[in-house]
Amino acid sequence: MRLHPWQRLGLALATALLIGGCATRVTTTEGGVPIDTSHTAQGQDSRAMFLVIHYTVADLPLSLHILTKQQVSAHYLLSDESPPRIFRLVDENRRAWHSGLSGWKGHRLLNASSIGIEIVHPGFKPGFDKQRIYQPFPKEQIDALIPLVKDIVQRHQIKPERILGHGEVTPSYKEDPGPTFPWKLLADLGITPPWPDAQLVAQQQAIFATALPDAAWFQAALAQHGYVIERSGLWDEQTRRVMMNFQMRYRPANYSGQPDAETAALLHVLTVPGPIPGVAPSAALPPVLPVPLPSGD
């Protein structure tokens, strides 16, 4: 068998080092190019900085077809069977096409820096007067999801605040995993950041009830929290979509996308550090300016 020159060189180097008893470690790339792996840099980490959770709005056969045969994918697919199965569709070292034109806290196009999990789930069913009735997630499915999330987060050292829903990183046209996903459970388990303190939220809600912030304040707070949002100063559709996704996670009982005192309080508690003795309150957000509520049209 004729060897490629690179292969002959690699074989010669490996033989010489074995004879010499040297600590140098020589191997080859997948293509057969000799490399020395005896030095490892300290300055490195995983390319996966985010974990993004989705639902498929399709049954298992259709979900598998879409995620394996079309120009969209995810690293993992969690089935709705009993017991659920976890399919790995894309190796974690490769980029899956799952988050689209996404962003969070200055990071953009998160496909390159994230791991995506799709959950087989119907999303919502149409209700009276075109209302969306979002369906619950079976406990058995969530029980299968949690160990997978913990495993990915531990191996890649993904920060709790970077475990997000598709609707959070792409709010302009997505809202999954929707208002029935148990974000508070993940917070209670220490997987995601602590849930907003109910007492602090109640205190702030009473303040905001007397003077609701204007659109500019909400947009600044949502941007500080992490959302990509244009600071138009208007109650526009993009602001409603971002607000809706925020409410789906932190106030799932009412996700109208409309501003109110409770939503403002939740944003304040999540984005403004708590008071520290001897230190002036944070001025990170602009002052609250009361304005009329947007119309319902």
Protein backbone atom coordinates (compact mmCIF):
# COMPACT_ATOMS: atom_id res chain seq x y z
CA MET A 1 0.00 0.00 0.00
CA ARG A 2 1.41 3.40 -1.00
CA LEU A 3 1.39 6.02 1.79
CA HIS A 4 0.77 9.71 1.27
CA PRO A 5 3.91 11.81 2.01
CA TRP A 6 2.15 13.36 5.04
CA GLN A 7 1.34 9.88 6.33
CA ARG A 8 4.96 8.74 5.89
CA LEU A 9 6.17 11.85 7.75
CA GLY A 10 3.69 11.28 10.57
CA LEU A 11 4.72 7.64 10.90
CA ALA A 12 8.40 8.59 10.96
CA LEU A 13 7.86 11.25 13.60
CA ALA A 14 5.81 8.95 15.80
CA THR A 15 8.43 6.19 15.54
CA ALA A 16 11.28 8.55 16.39
CA LEU A 17 9.48 9.94 19.42
CA LEU A 18 8.60 6.50 20.72
CA ILE A 19 12.24 5.42 20.42
CA GLY A 20 13.48 8.60 22.08
CA GLY A 21 11.04 8.36 24.97
CA CYS A 22 10.07 12.00 24.49
CA ALA A 23 6.89 13.38 26.13
CA THR A 24 5.77 15.00 22.87
CA ARG A 25 2.45 13.62 21.66
CA VAL A 26 2.02 13.38 17.91
CA THR A 27 -1.18 12.50 16.16
CA THR A 28 -2.85 13.56 12.95
CA THR A 29 -5.87 15.54 11.90
CA GLU A 30 -8.80 13.68 10.40
CA GLY A 31 -7.20 14.34 7.04
CA GLY A 32 -3.88 12.77 8.03
CA VAL A 33 -1.82 15.93 8.68
CA PRO A 34 0.68 15.39 11.58
CA ILE A 35 0.08 17.58 14.65
CA ASP A 36 1.68 17.83 18.08
CA THR A 37 -0.82 17.87 20.98
CA SER A 38 1.63 18.12 23.88
CA HIS A 39 0.62 21.75 24.66
CA THR A 40 -2.88 22.92 25.55
CA ALA A 41 -3.86 26.58 25.83
CA GLN A 42 -5.55 27.80 29.02
CA GLY A 43 -7.44 30.53 27.17
CA GLN A 44 -10.35 28.56 25.77
CA ASP A 45 -13.92 27.55 26.46
CA SER A 46 -16.84 25.89 24.73
CA ARG A 47 -18.20 27.47 21.55
CA ALA A 48 -21.68 26.84 23.02
CA MET A 49 -22.63 29.93 25.03
CA PHE A 50 -26.43 29.60 24.86
CA LEU A 51 -29.06 26.90 25.18
CA VAL A 52 -32.25 27.63 23.22
CA ILE A 53 -35.49 25.72 23.86
CA HIS A 54 -38.14 25.33 21.15
CA TYR A 55 -41.34 23.46 20.46
CA THR A 56 -42.13 21.91 17.09
CA VAL A 57 -45.89 22.52 16.58
CA ALA A 58 -45.94 19.09 14.90
CA ASP A 59 -46.20 15.43 15.83
CA LEU A 60 -43.13 13.21 16.09
CA PRO A 61 -43.01 11.85 12.50
CA LEU A 62 -43.46 15.31 11.00
CA SER A 63 -40.99 16.85 13.46
CA LEU A 64 -38.34 14.29 12.51
CA HIS A 65 -38.99 14.88 8.83
CA ILE A 66 -38.74 18.67 9.12
CA LEU A 67 -35.65 18.62 11.31
CA THR A 68 -33.75 16.06 9.24
CA LYS A 69 -34.91 16.60 5.65
CA GLN A 70 -35.40 20.38 5.43
CA GLN A 71 -33.21 23.44 5.89
CA VAL A 72 -33.84 23.63 9.63
CA SER A 73 -32.45 21.50 12.44
CA ALA A 74 -31.69 21.23 16.14
CA HIS A 75 -29.11 19.36 18.15
CA TYR A 76 -31.74 17.42 20.08
CA LEU A 77 -35.38 16.45 19.62
CA LEU A 78 -37.40 15.38 22.67
CA SER A 79 -40.35 13.17 21.71
CA ASP A 80 -43.84 13.17 23.21
CA GLU A 81 -43.89 9.40 23.62
CA SER A 82 -44.22 7.53 26.91
CA PRO A 83 -41.48 7.30 27.92
CA PRO A 84 -40.02 10.16 25.86
CA ARG A 85 -37.01 9.56 23.65
CA ILE A 86 -34.20 12.03 23.04
CA PHE A 87 -32.88 12.09 19.46
CA ARG A 88 -29.53 13.69 18.72
CA LEU A 89 -29.85 15.13 15.22
CA VAL A 90 -26.74 17.33 15.08
CA ASP A 91 -23.43 16.79 16.87
CA GLU A 92 -22.87 19.44 19.53
CA ASN A 93 -19.59 20.43 17.85
CA ARG A 94 -21.47 21.43 14.73
CA ARG A 95 -23.89 24.28 14.11
CA ALA A 96 -27.59 23.44 13.98
CA TRP A 97 -29.94 25.75 12.09
CA HIS A 98 -32.50 26.48 14.78
CA SER A 99 -32.53 30.09 15.97
CA GLY A 100 -32.59 32.15 12.77
CA LEU A 101 -32.11 35.93 12.96
CA SER A 102 -31.60 35.78 16.71
CA GLY A 103 -29.91 37.89 19.33
CA TRP A 104 -29.43 38.36 23.04
CA LYS A 105 -27.42 40.96 24.99
CA GLY A 106 -25.21 42.06 22.14
CA HIS A 107 -24.76 38.58 20.65
CA ARG A 108 -26.26 37.99 17.22
CA LEU A 109 -26.98 34.98 14.96
CA LEU A 110 -26.93 32.52 17.85
CA ASN A 111 -26.81 29.38 15.71
CA ALA A 112 -23.02 29.62 15.84
CA SER A 113 -22.89 29.87 19.65
CA SER A 114 -25.82 27.81 20.88
CA ILE A 115 -27.26 24.35 21.34
CA GLY A 116 -30.89 23.90 20.36
CA ILE A 117 -33.46 21.54 21.86
CA GLU A 118 -36.75 21.00 20.05
CA ILE A 119 -39.65 19.55 22.05
CA VAL A 120 -42.42 17.69 20.20
CA HIS A 121 -45.44 19.73 21.24
CA PRO A 122 -48.57 21.04 19.49
CA GLY A 123 -48.03 24.61 20.70
CA PHE A 124 -51.60 25.87 20.81
CA LYS A 125 -55.08 24.97 19.64
CA PRO A 126 -57.55 27.52 18.28
CA GLY A 127 -60.17 28.58 20.78
CA PHE A 128 -63.19 30.87 20.78
CA ASP A 129 -62.88 34.04 18.69
CA LYS A 130 -59.45 32.97 17.32
CA GLN A 131 -57.91 32.77 20.78
CA ARG A 132 -54.87 30.57 21.18
CA ILE A 133 -55.20 27.89 23.82
CA TYR A 134 -51.62 26.90 24.62
CA GLN A 135 -51.28 23.25 25.56
CA PRO A 136 -49.51 22.02 28.72
CA PHE A 137 -46.26 20.07 28.65
CA PRO A 138 -46.61 16.52 30.04
CA LYS A 139 -44.73 16.01 33.29
CA GLU A 140 -43.00 12.97 31.83
CA GLN A 141 -41.63 15.10 29.01
CA ILE A 142 -40.31 17.79 31.36
CA ASP A 143 -38.80 15.10 33.60
CA ALA A 144 -36.84 13.90 30.55
CA LEU A 145 -35.87 17.41 29.50
CA ILE A 146 -34.37 18.54 32.81
CA PRO A 147 -31.47 16.01 32.95
CA LEU A 148 -30.62 16.81 29.33
CA VAL A 149 -30.52 20.55 30.07
CA LYS A 150 -28.42 20.00 33.19
CA ASP A 151 -25.98 17.79 31.28
CA ILE A 152 -25.51 20.27 28.41
CA VAL A 153 -25.17 23.24 30.75
CA GLN A 154 -22.63 21.47 32.96
CA ARG A 155 -20.44 20.25 30.11
CA HIS A 156 -20.40 23.56 28.26
CA GLN A 157 -20.52 25.78 31.36
CA ILE A 158 -23.46 27.73 29.95
CA LYS A 159 -24.50 30.55 32.27
CA PRO A 160 -28.03 30.30 33.75
CA GLU A 161 -29.07 33.60 32.18
CA ARG A 162 -28.23 32.20 28.75
CA ILE A 163 -30.82 29.41 28.89
CA LEU A 164 -33.55 30.94 26.77
CA GLY A 165 -36.63 30.29 24.71
CA HIS A 166 -36.79 30.71 20.96
CA GLY A 167 -39.29 33.52 21.41
CA GLU A 168 -36.84 35.43 23.58
CA VAL A 169 -34.01 35.40 21.05
CA THR A 170 -36.28 35.78 18.00
CA PRO A 171 -39.32 37.66 19.34
CA SER A 172 -40.37 39.23 16.05
CA TYR A 173 -42.02 36.04 14.81
CA LYS A 174 -41.57 33.32 17.46
CA GLU A 175 -43.03 32.67 20.91
CA ASP A 176 -42.01 29.10 21.71
CA PRO A 177 -41.83 27.36 24.10
CA GLY A 178 -44.87 29.46 25.05
CA PRO A 179 -46.60 30.42 28.30
CA THR A 180 -47.13 26.85 29.56
CA PHE A 181 -43.43 25.98 29.63
CA PRO A 182 -42.35 25.63 33.31
CA TRP A 183 -39.69 28.33 33.50
CA LYS A 184 -40.30 28.83 37.22
CA LEU A 185 -39.57 25.15 37.85
CA LEU A 186 -36.20 25.52 36.12
CA ALA A 187 -35.51 28.59 38.27
CA ASP A 188 -36.51 26.75 41.46
CA LEU A 189 -34.10 23.93 40.49
CA GLY A 190 -31.26 26.43 40.08
CA ILE A 191 -30.95 25.80 36.34
CA THR A 192 -31.99 29.31 35.31
CA PRO A 193 -31.62 32.55 37.33
CA PRO A 194 -33.69 33.03 40.51
CA TRP A 195 -37.34 33.97 40.01
CA PRO A 196 -38.21 37.64 40.67
CA ASP A 197 -38.85 38.12 44.38
CA ALA A 198 -42.62 38.37 44.87
CA GLN A 199 -42.38 40.92 47.69
CA LEU A 200 -40.11 43.23 45.69
CA VAL A 201 -42.37 42.90 42.66
CA ALA A 202 -45.44 43.81 44.76
CA GLN A 203 -43.67 46.87 46.18
CA GLN A 204 -42.64 48.09 42.74
CA GLN A 205 -46.04 47.32 41.27
CA ALA A 206 -47.69 49.67 43.76
CA ILE A 207 -45.30 52.42 42.69
CA PHE A 208 -45.80 51.86 38.97
CA ALA A 209 -49.58 51.73 39.43
CA THR A 210 -49.48 55.46 40.20
CA ALA A 211 -47.23 56.34 37.25
CA LEU A 212 -46.82 53.81 34.47
CA PRO A 213 -43.56 54.22 32.52
CA ASP A 214 -43.61 55.32 28.90
CA ALA A 215 -42.59 53.25 25.86
CA ALA A 216 -38.97 54.46 25.99
CA TRP A 217 -38.62 53.17 29.57
CA PHE A 218 -40.06 49.75 28.71
CA GLN A 219 -37.84 49.47 25.63
CA ALA A 220 -34.74 50.40 27.64
CA ALA A 221 -35.61 47.88 30.36
CA LEU A 222 -36.33 45.09 27.87
CA ALA A 223 -33.03 45.81 26.08
CA GLN A 224 -31.14 45.78 29.37
CA HIS A 225 -32.73 42.46 30.22
CA GLY A 226 -31.33 41.07 26.96
CA TYR A 227 -33.88 41.47 24.15
CA VAL A 228 -33.02 42.89 20.76
CA ILE A 229 -35.44 45.80 20.44
CA GLU A 230 -35.47 49.06 18.54
CA ARG A 231 -35.77 52.00 20.93
CA SER A 232 -38.39 53.81 18.90
CA GLY A 233 -40.14 55.41 21.86
CA LEU A 234 -43.43 54.19 20.42
CA TRP A 235 -45.89 51.47 21.40
CA ASP A 236 -45.25 49.64 18.16
CA GLU A 237 -45.67 46.02 17.06
CA GLN A 238 -42.06 45.02 17.75
CA THR A 239 -42.40 46.28 21.33
CA ARG A 240 -45.65 44.35 21.78
CA ARG A 241 -44.01 41.15 20.51
CA VAL A 242 -41.03 41.51 22.84
CA MET A 243 -43.28 42.37 25.79
CA MET A 244 -45.47 39.36 25.04
CA ASN A 245 -42.50 37.00 25.10
CA PHE A 246 -41.28 38.52 28.36
CA GLN A 247 -44.73 38.09 29.90
CA MET A 248 -45.00 34.49 28.64
CA ARG A 249 -41.94 33.63 30.71
CA TYR A 250 -42.46 35.73 33.84
CA ARG A 251 -46.23 36.40 33.93
CA PRO A 252 -47.82 33.59 31.88
CA ALA A 253 -51.33 34.25 33.20
CA ASN A 254 -51.52 37.40 31.05
CA TYR A 255 -49.31 37.78 27.98
CA SER A 256 -51.25 40.43 26.08
CA GLY A 257 -48.08 42.32 25.19
CA GLN A 258 -49.61 45.46 26.69
CA PRO A 259 -47.74 47.51 29.31
CA ASP A 260 -48.99 47.41 32.88
CA ALA A 261 -47.70 48.00 36.40
CA GLU A 262 -46.94 44.34 37.11
CA THR A 263 -44.87 43.92 33.94
CA ALA A 264 -42.97 47.12 34.75
CA ALA A 265 -42.34 45.83 38.28
CA LEU A 266 -41.04 42.49 37.00
CA LEU A 267 -38.70 44.26 34.60
CA HIS A 268 -37.48 46.61 37.32
CA VAL A 269 -36.72 43.78 39.74
CA LEU A 270 -34.92 41.79 37.03
CA THR A 271 -32.85 44.65 35.64
CA VAL A 272 -32.14 47.00 38.55
CA PRO A 273 -29.90 45.70 41.35
CA GLY A 274 -31.44 45.68 44.80
CA PRO A 275 -30.60 48.48 47.24
CA ILE A 276 -27.21 48.23 48.97
CA PRO A 277 -26.72 50.01 52.32
CA GLY A 278 -24.85 53.28 51.86
CA VAL A 279 -25.09 53.18 48.06
CA ALA A 280 -27.41 55.34 45.98
CA PRO A 281 -30.14 53.53 43.99
CA SER A 282 -29.19 52.39 40.50
CA ALA A 283 -29.73 54.87 37.71
CA ALA A 284 -29.29 52.25 35.00
CA LEU A 285 -32.78 52.83 33.62
CA PRO A 286 -34.23 56.17 32.55
CA PRO A 287 -36.65 57.92 34.92
CA VAL A 288 -40.26 56.79 34.86
CA LEU A 289 -42.45 59.05 32.75
CA PRO A 290 -46.22 58.49 33.03
CA VAL A 291 -48.03 58.33 29.71
CA PRO A 292 -51.46 57.20 28.52
CA LEU A 293 -51.78 53.50 27.82
CA PRO A 294 -51.71 52.46 24.16
CA SER A 295 -55.02 51.83 22.46
CA GLY A 296 -56.12 48.25 21.91
CA ASP A 297 -56.02 48.51 18.08
